[in-house]
C-alpha cells in the first residue's frame, strides 16, 4: 500500500503569500476608490477573495499531488 504525503506547508505558504498580496491590494485600492466602497473592499472583498483563492488553489494542489 503506497501513500503519498501531501505537503501542507505549500498551502500555508500560499495562504501567507495571498494575505500579503491582499494587504498590497488594499493599499493600492486607496488610490482608486474611497469612502464606503473602500471600507467594504477592505473588510469583505479582499478577505473573501483570499479565502476563495486559497481554497481553490489548495484543492488543485491536493488533487494533483496526492494521486
Protein backbone atom coordinates (compact mmCIF):
# COMPACT_ATOMS: atom_id res chain seq x y z
CA UNK A 1 0.00 0.00 0.00
CA UNK A 2 1.60 3.23 -1.19
CA UNK A 3 0.50 6.50 0.31
CA UNK A 4 1.72 9.90 -0.77
CA UNK A 5 2.33 12.76 1.60
CA UNK A 6 0.52 15.99 0.83
CA UNK A 7 2.75 18.92 1.84
CA UNK A 8 0.56 21.21 3.92
CA UNK A 9 3.38 23.72 4.16
CA UNK A 10 2.83 24.56 0.47
CA UNK A 11 -0.76 25.54 1.18
CA UNK A 12 0.26 27.56 4.24
CA UNK A 13 2.94 29.36 2.25
CA UNK A 14 0.39 30.12 -0.47
CA UNK A 15 -2.03 31.44 2.15
CA UNK A 16 0.60 33.78 3.61
CA UNK A 17 1.52 34.97 0.13
CA UNK A 18 -2.10 35.71 -0.70
CA UNK A 19 -2.52 37.61 2.57
CA UNK A 20 0.49 39.75 1.67
CA UNK A 21 -0.96 40.30 -1.80
CA UNK A 22 -4.30 41.24 -0.22
CA UNK A 23 -2.62 43.83 2.01
CA UNK A 24 -0.86 45.27 -1.01
CA UNK A 25 -4.14 45.33 -2.98
CA UNK A 26 -5.85 47.12 -0.08
CA UNK A 27 -3.18 49.78 -0.06
CA UNK A 28 -3.33 50.14 -3.85
CA UNK A 29 -7.13 50.49 -3.76
CA UNK A 30 -6.79 53.71 -1.78
CA UNK A 31 -5.72 55.46 -4.97
CA UNK A 32 -8.78 54.32 -6.93
CA UNK A 33 -11.76 54.20 -4.57
CA UNK A 34 -12.73 55.89 -1.32
CA UNK A 35 -15.42 56.01 1.30
CA UNK A 36 -17.78 53.14 1.97
CA UNK A 37 -16.69 51.10 -1.02
CA UNK A 38 -13.07 51.16 0.16
CA UNK A 39 -14.04 50.03 3.66
CA UNK A 40 -16.25 47.26 2.25
CA UNK A 41 -13.45 46.05 0.00
CA UNK A 42 -11.04 46.00 2.95
CA UNK A 43 -13.33 44.09 5.31
CA UNK A 44 -15.38 41.96 2.92
CA UNK A 45 -13.98 41.85 -0.61
CA UNK A 46 -10.28 41.22 -0.14
CA UNK A 47 -10.61 38.61 2.66
CA UNK A 48 -13.25 36.77 0.62
CA UNK A 49 -11.03 36.73 -2.47
CA UNK A 50 -8.07 35.48 -0.41
CA UNK A 51 -10.21 32.71 1.08
CA UNK A 52 -11.62 31.59 -2.28
CA UNK A 53 -8.21 31.63 -3.99
CA UNK A 54 -6.53 29.77 -1.13
CA UNK A 55 -9.23 27.12 -1.03
CA UNK A 56 -9.33 26.66 -4.80
CA UNK A 57 -5.58 26.51 -5.33
CA UNK A 58 -5.18 24.27 -2.27
CA UNK A 59 -7.71 21.81 -3.65
CA UNK A 60 -5.94 21.79 -7.02
CA UNK A 61 -2.59 21.14 -5.29
CA UNK A 62 -4.13 18.41 -3.16
CA UNK A 63 -5.75 16.64 -6.09
CA UNK A 64 -2.60 16.71 -8.21
CA UNK A 65 -0.06 15.92 -5.50
CA UNK A 66 -1.96 13.15 -3.74
CA UNK A 67 -2.50 10.94 -6.79
